[in-house]
């Protein structure tokens, strides 16, 4: 579909915009299978991708505060 034909019709432009929003939500939405998450719902991992325990996260937080 060419962009010059999308914006000739107001309804077609709305359908196109809804598709873009749907794609963005589908791409960025979190998955249902997140098991190890922090308080804000984000999974905490180290550089290798391994999960970080809450004790390790607290140690890192204390180390950064003491810089």
PDB file of N, CA and C in Angstrom:
ATOM      1  N   UNK A   1       0.848  -1.176   0.000  1.00  0.00           N
ATOM      2  CA  UNK A   1       0.000   0.000   0.000  1.00  0.00           C
ATOM      3  C   UNK A   1       0.898   1.244   0.000  1.00  0.00           C
ATOM      4  N   UNK A   2       0.651   2.134  -0.917  1.00  0.00           N
ATOM      5  CA  UNK A   2       1.451   3.355  -1.016  1.00  0.00           C
ATOM      6  C   UNK A   2       0.892   4.414  -0.081  1.00  0.00           C
ATOM      7  N   UNK A   3       1.798   5.240   0.469  1.00  0.00           N
ATOM      8  CA  UNK A   3       1.360   6.267   1.413  1.00  0.00           C
ATOM      9  C   UNK A   3       0.529   7.353   0.731  1.00  0.00           C
ATOM     10  N   UNK A   4       0.701   7.556  -0.565  1.00  0.00           N
ATOM     11  CA  UNK A   4      -0.101   8.583  -1.247  1.00  0.00           C
ATOM     12  C   UNK A   4      -1.571   8.177  -1.321  1.00  0.00           C
ATOM     13  N   UNK A   5      -1.857   6.875  -1.335  1.00  0.00           N
ATOM     14  CA  UNK A   5      -3.254   6.433  -1.370  1.00  0.00           C
ATOM     15  C   UNK A   5      -3.851   6.336   0.037  1.00  0.00           C
ATOM     16  N   UNK A   6      -3.016   6.173   1.047  1.00  0.00           N
ATOM     17  CA  UNK A   6      -3.531   6.058   2.416  1.00  0.00           C
ATOM     18  C   UNK A   6      -4.205   7.356   2.849  1.00  0.00           C
ATOM     19  N   UNK A   7      -3.572   8.483   2.588  1.00  0.00           N
ATOM     20  CA  UNK A   7      -4.050   9.748   3.112  1.00  0.00           C
ATOM     21  C   UNK A   7      -5.044  10.466   2.205  1.00  0.00           C
ATOM     22  N   UNK A   8      -5.510   9.811   1.148  1.00  0.00           N
ATOM     23  CA  UNK A   8      -6.579  10.383   0.332  1.00  0.00           C
ATOM     24  C   UNK A   8      -7.927  10.216   1.023  1.00  0.00           C
ATOM     25  N   UNK A   9      -8.036   9.223   1.881  1.00  0.00           N
ATOM     26  CA  UNK A   9      -9.270   8.968   2.610  1.00  0.00           C
ATOM     27  C   UNK A   9      -9.007   9.092   4.105  1.00  0.00           C
ATOM     28  N   UNK A  10      -9.859   9.817   4.786  1.00  0.00           N
ATOM     29  CA  UNK A  10      -9.719   9.993   6.233  1.00  0.00           C
ATOM     30  C   UNK A  10      -9.844   8.652   6.958  1.00  0.00           C
ATOM     31  N   UNK A  11     -10.777   7.806   6.523  1.00  0.00           N
ATOM     32  CA  UNK A  11     -10.984   6.517   7.171  1.00  0.00           C
ATOM     33  C   UNK A  11      -9.805   5.579   6.944  1.00  0.00           C
ATOM     34  N   UNK A  12      -9.251   5.618   5.761  1.00  0.00           N
ATOM     35  CA  UNK A  12      -8.092   4.774   5.484  1.00  0.00           C
ATOM     36  C   UNK A  12      -6.893   5.221   6.323  1.00  0.00           C
ATOM     37  N   UNK A  13      -6.753   6.534   6.530  1.00  0.00           N
ATOM     38  CA  UNK A  13      -5.672   7.042   7.374  1.00  0.00           C
ATOM     39  C   UNK A  13      -5.866   6.597   8.821  1.00  0.00           C
ATOM     40  N   UNK A  14      -7.106   6.585   9.304  1.00  0.00           N
ATOM     41  CA  UNK A  14      -7.379   6.119  10.665  1.00  0.00           C
ATOM     42  C   UNK A  14      -7.090   4.631  10.821  1.00  0.00           C
ATOM     43  N   UNK A  15      -7.453   3.838   9.831  1.00  0.00           N
ATOM     44  CA  UNK A  15      -7.160   2.407   9.865  1.00  0.00           C
ATOM     45  C   UNK A  15      -5.655   2.180   9.846  1.00  0.00           C
ATOM     46  N   UNK A  16      -4.937   2.918   9.031  1.00  0.00           N
ATOM     47  CA  UNK A  16      -3.480   2.810   8.955  1.00  0.00           C
ATOM     48  C   UNK A  16      -2.848   3.174  10.305  1.00  0.00           C
ATOM     49  N   UNK A  17      -3.300   4.270  10.912  1.00  0.00           N
ATOM     50  CA  UNK A  17      -2.766   4.699  12.202  1.00  0.00           C
ATOM     51  C   UNK A  17      -3.063   3.669  13.286  1.00  0.00           C
ATOM     52  N   UNK A  18      -4.260   3.099  13.271  1.00  0.00           N
ATOM     53  CA  UNK A  18      -4.602   2.066  14.244  1.00  0.00           C
ATOM     54  C   UNK A  18      -3.695   0.843  14.073  1.00  0.00           C
ATOM     55  N   UNK A  19      -3.380   0.501  12.847  1.00  0.00           N
ATOM     56  CA  UNK A  19      -2.467  -0.618  12.601  1.00  0.00           C
ATOM     57  C   UNK A  19      -1.075  -0.347  13.129  1.00  0.00           C
ATOM     58  N   UNK A  20      -0.599   0.887  12.977  1.00  0.00           N
ATOM     59  CA  UNK A  20       0.722   1.255  13.497  1.00  0.00           C
ATOM     60  C   UNK A  20       0.730   1.178  15.023  1.00  0.00           C
ATOM     61  N   UNK A  21      -0.319   1.674  15.663  1.00  0.00           N
ATOM     62  CA  UNK A  21      -0.406   1.626  17.129  1.00  0.00           C
ATOM     63  C   UNK A  21      -0.491   0.180  17.611  1.00  0.00           C
ATOM     64  N   UNK A  22      -1.264  -0.637  16.923  1.00  0.00           N
ATOM     65  CA  UNK A  22      -1.399  -2.043  17.284  1.00  0.00           C
ATOM     66  C   UNK A  22      -0.044  -2.749  17.163  1.00  0.00           C
ATOM     67  N   UNK A  23       0.670  -2.501  16.081  1.00  0.00           N
ATOM     68  CA  UNK A  23       1.985  -3.097  15.890  1.00  0.00           C
ATOM     69  C   UNK A  23       2.945  -2.665  17.001  1.00  0.00           C
ATOM     70  N   UNK A  24       2.945  -1.377  17.353  1.00  0.00           N
ATOM     71  CA  UNK A  24       3.839  -0.878  18.394  1.00  0.00           C
ATOM     72  C   UNK A  24       3.513  -1.517  19.739  1.00  0.00           C
ATOM     73  N   UNK A  25       2.243  -1.650  20.071  1.00  0.00           N
ATOM     74  CA  UNK A  25       1.855  -2.283  21.323  1.00  0.00           C
ATOM     75  C   UNK A  25       2.247  -3.757  21.322  1.00  0.00           C
ATOM     76  N   UNK A  26       1.991  -4.445  20.229  1.00  0.00           N
ATOM     77  CA  UNK A  26       2.309  -5.861  20.132  1.00  0.00           C
ATOM     78  C   UNK A  26       3.816  -6.094  20.234  1.00  0.00           C
ATOM     79  N   UNK A  27       4.594  -5.191  19.692  1.00  0.00           N
ATOM     80  CA  UNK A  27       6.050  -5.318  19.718  1.00  0.00           C
ATOM     81  C   UNK A  27       6.610  -5.006  21.099  1.00  0.00           C
ATOM     82  N   UNK A  28       6.088  -4.006  21.782  1.00  0.00           N
ATOM     83  CA  UNK A  28       6.672  -3.529  23.033  1.00  0.00           C
ATOM     84  C   UNK A  28       6.000  -4.079  24.283  1.00  0.00           C
ATOM     85  N   UNK A  29       4.881  -4.740  24.171  1.00  0.00           N
ATOM     86  CA  UNK A  29       4.154  -5.235  25.342  1.00  0.00           C
ATOM     87  C   UNK A  29       4.928  -6.365  26.006  1.00  0.00           C
ATOM     88  N   UNK A  30       4.917  -6.413  27.344  1.00  0.00           N
ATOM     89  CA  UNK A  30       5.614  -7.510  28.036  1.00  0.00           C
ATOM     90  C   UNK A  30       4.890  -8.832  27.814  1.00  0.00           C
ATOM     91  N   UNK A  31       5.650  -9.906  27.871  1.00  0.00           N
ATOM     92  CA  UNK A  31       5.051 -11.226  27.706  1.00  0.00           C
ATOM     93  C   UNK A  31       4.428 -11.676  29.018  1.00  0.00           C
ATOM     94  N   UNK A  32       3.538 -12.643  28.939  1.00  0.00           N
ATOM     95  CA  UNK A  32       2.860 -13.140  30.134  1.00  0.00           C
ATOM     96  C   UNK A  32       3.745 -14.077  30.950  1.00  0.00           C
ATOM     97  N   UNK A  33       4.820 -14.598  30.387  1.00  0.00           N
ATOM     98  CA  UNK A  33       5.631 -15.594  31.046  1.00  0.00           C
ATOM     99  C   UNK A  33       6.809 -15.062  31.835  1.00  0.00           C
ATOM    100  N   UNK A  34       6.775 -13.826  32.291  1.00  0.00           N
ATOM    101  CA  UNK A  34       7.893 -13.296  33.075  1.00  0.00           C
ATOM    102  C   UNK A  34       7.785 -13.806  34.499  1.00  0.00           C
ATOM    103  N   UNK A  35       8.796 -14.580  34.924  1.00  0.00           N
ATOM    104  CA  UNK A  35       8.738 -15.179  36.251  1.00  0.00           C
ATOM    105  C   UNK A  35       9.505 -14.356  37.278  1.00  0.00           C
ATOM    106  N   UNK A  36      10.751 -13.990  37.004  1.00  0.00           N
ATOM    107  CA  UNK A  36      11.604 -13.291  37.965  1.00  0.00           C
ATOM    108  C   UNK A  36      11.566 -11.797  37.668  1.00  0.00           C
ATOM    109  N   UNK A  37      10.714 -11.081  38.384  1.00  0.00           N
ATOM    110  CA  UNK A  37      10.581  -9.650  38.136  1.00  0.00           C
ATOM    111  C   UNK A  37      10.808  -8.876  39.412  1.00  0.00           C
ATOM    112  N   UNK A  38      11.209  -7.611  39.267  1.00  0.00           N
ATOM    113  CA  UNK A  38      11.382  -6.740  40.422  1.00  0.00           C
ATOM    114  C   UNK A  38      10.047  -6.090  40.765  1.00  0.00           C
ATOM    115  N   UNK A  39      10.060  -5.132  41.689  1.00  0.00           N
ATOM    116  CA  UNK A  39       8.824  -4.480  42.121  1.00  0.00           C
ATOM    117  C   UNK A  39       8.108  -3.755  40.995  1.00  0.00           C
ATOM    118  N   UNK A  40       8.863  -3.203  40.044  1.00  0.00           N
ATOM    119  CA  UNK A  40       8.236  -2.450  38.959  1.00  0.00           C
ATOM    120  C   UNK A  40       7.931  -3.312  37.744  1.00  0.00           C
ATOM    121  N   UNK A  41       8.084  -4.642  37.849  1.00  0.00           N
ATOM    122  CA  UNK A  41       7.700  -5.540  36.775  1.00  0.00           C
ATOM    123  C   UNK A  41       8.781  -5.790  35.742  1.00  0.00           C
ATOM    124  N   UNK A  42      10.005  -5.331  35.975  1.00  0.00           N
ATOM    125  CA  UNK A  42      11.089  -5.510  35.018  1.00  0.00           C
ATOM    126  C   UNK A  42      11.993  -6.627  35.502  1.00  0.00           C
ATOM    127  N   UNK A  43      12.313  -7.562  34.613  1.00  0.00           N
ATOM    128  CA  UNK A  43      13.208  -8.653  34.983  1.00  0.00           C
ATOM    129  C   UNK A  43      14.634  -8.135  35.076  1.00  0.00           C
ATOM    130  N   UNK A  44      15.300  -8.438  36.175  1.00  0.00           N
ATOM    131  CA  UNK A  44      16.663  -7.976  36.400  1.00  0.00           C
ATOM    132  C   UNK A  44      17.614  -9.097  36.003  1.00  0.00           C
ATOM    133  N   UNK A  45      18.536  -8.803  35.054  1.00  0.00           N
ATOM    134  CA  UNK A  45      19.520  -9.778  34.615  1.00  0.00           C
ATOM    135  C   UNK A  45      20.896  -9.136  34.605  1.00  0.00           C
ATOM    136  N   UNK A  46      21.932  -9.985  34.616  1.00  0.00           N
ATOM    137  CA  UNK A  46      23.290  -9.466  34.505  1.00  0.00           C
ATOM    138  C   UNK A  46      23.682  -9.413  33.025  1.00  0.00           C
ATOM    139  N   UNK A  47      24.942  -9.131  32.754  1.00  0.00           N
ATOM    140  CA  UNK A  47      25.399  -8.962  31.369  1.00  0.00           C
ATOM    141  C   UNK A  47      25.257 -10.239  30.557  1.00  0.00           C
ATOM    142  N   UNK A  48      25.329 -11.396  31.208  1.00  0.00           N
ATOM    143  CA  UNK A  48      25.206 -12.661  30.481  1.00  0.00           C
ATOM    144  C   UNK A  48      23.754 -13.082  30.287  1.00  0.00           C
ATOM    145  N   UNK A  49      22.829 -12.367  30.913  1.00  0.00           N
ATOM    146  CA  UNK A  49      21.412 -12.688  30.791  1.00  0.00           C
ATOM    147  C   UNK A  49      20.884 -13.546  31.924  1.00  0.00           C
ATOM    148  N   UNK A  50      21.749 -13.907  32.876  1.00  0.00           N
ATOM    149  CA  UNK A  50      21.323 -14.714  34.020  1.00  0.00           C
ATOM    150  C   UNK A  50      20.551 -13.843  35.013  1.00  0.00           C
ATOM    151  N   UNK A  51      19.520 -14.382  35.645  1.00  0.00           N
ATOM    152  CA  UNK A  51      18.757 -13.590  36.621  1.00  0.00           C
ATOM    153  C   UNK A  51      19.620 -13.173  37.806  1.00  0.00           C
ATOM    154  N   UNK A  52      19.341 -11.998  38.337  1.00  0.00           N
ATOM    155  CA  UNK A  52      20.068 -11.458  39.488  1.00  0.00           C
ATOM    156  C   UNK A  52      19.165 -11.582  40.708  1.00  0.00           C
ATOM    157  N   UNK A  53      19.718 -12.117  41.798  1.00  0.00           N
ATOM    158  CA  UNK A  53      18.927 -12.262  43.022  1.00  0.00           C
ATOM    159  C   UNK A  53      18.751 -10.894  43.680  1.00  0.00           C
ATOM    160  N   UNK A  54      17.809 -10.818  44.589  1.00  0.00           N
ATOM    161  CA  UNK A  54      17.556  -9.541  45.262  1.00  0.00           C
ATOM    162  C   UNK A  54      18.735  -9.147  46.152  1.00  0.00           C
ATOM    163  N   UNK A  55      19.452 -10.138  46.707  1.00  0.00           N
ATOM    164  CA  UNK A  55      20.637  -9.833  47.517  1.00  0.00           C
ATOM    165  C   UNK A  55      21.742  -9.210  46.678  1.00  0.00           C
ATOM    166  N   UNK A  56      21.957  -9.757  45.486  1.00  0.00           N
ATOM    167  CA  UNK A  56      22.977  -9.209  44.590  1.00  0.00           C
ATOM    168  C   UNK A  56      22.605  -7.800  44.139  1.00  0.00           C
ATOM    169  N   UNK A  57      21.329  -7.578  43.883  1.00  0.00           N
ATOM    170  CA  UNK A  57      20.876  -6.246  43.477  1.00  0.00           C
ATOM    171  C   UNK A  57      21.080  -5.245  44.607  1.00  0.00           C
ATOM    172  N   UNK A  58      20.828  -5.664  45.834  1.00  0.00           N
ATOM    173  CA  UNK A  58      21.026  -4.787  46.999  1.00  0.00           C
ATOM    174  C   UNK A  58      22.505  -4.461  47.183  1.00  0.00           C
ATOM    175  N   UNK A  59      23.402  -5.440  46.982  1.00  0.00           N
ATOM    176  CA  UNK A  59      24.842  -5.205  47.080  1.00  0.00           C
ATOM    177  C   UNK A  59      25.296  -4.187  46.045  1.00  0.00           C
ATOM    178  N   UNK A  60      24.794  -4.303  44.836  1.00  0.00           N
ATOM    179  CA  UNK A  60      25.143  -3.362  43.783  1.00  0.00           C
ATOM    180  C   UNK A  60      24.620  -1.971  44.112  1.00  0.00           C
ATOM    181  N   UNK A  61      23.419  -1.887  44.621  1.00  0.00           N
ATOM    182  CA  UNK A  61      22.840  -0.598  45.000  1.00  0.00           C
ATOM    183  C   UNK A  61      23.675   0.074  46.083  1.00  0.00           C
ATOM    184  N   UNK A  62      24.100  -0.694  47.083  1.00  0.00           N
ATOM    185  CA  UNK A  62      24.946  -0.144  48.159  1.00  0.00           C
ATOM    186  C   UNK A  62      26.296   0.311  47.631  1.00  0.00           C
ATOM    187  N   UNK A  63      26.873  -0.454  46.709  1.00  0.00           N
ATOM    188  CA  UNK A  63      28.173  -0.099  46.140  1.00  0.00           C
ATOM    189  C   UNK A  63      28.088   1.193  45.338  1.00  0.00           C
ATOM    190  N   UNK A  64      26.993   1.380  44.611  1.00  0.00           N
ATOM    191  CA  UNK A  64      26.829   2.602  43.803  1.00  0.00           C
ATOM    192  C   UNK A  64      26.610   3.807  44.714  1.00  0.00           C
ATOM    193  N   UNK A  65      25.899   3.631  45.811  1.00  0.00           N
ATOM    194  CA  UNK A  65      25.662   4.732  46.746  1.00  0.00           C
ATOM    195  C   UNK A  65      26.965   5.217  47.392  1.00  0.00           C
ATOM    196  N   UNK A  66      27.916   4.297  47.566  1.00  0.00           N
ATOM    197  CA  UNK A  66      29.152   4.624  48.243  1.00  0.00           C
ATOM    198  C   UNK A  66      30.226   5.184  47.311  1.00  0.00           C
ATOM    199  N   UNK A  67      29.911   5.418  46.076  1.00  0.00           N
ATOM    200  CA  UNK A  67      30.902   5.963  45.129  1.00  0.00           C
ATOM    201  C   UNK A  67      31.208   7.395  45.404  1.00  0.00           C
TER     202      UNK A  67
END
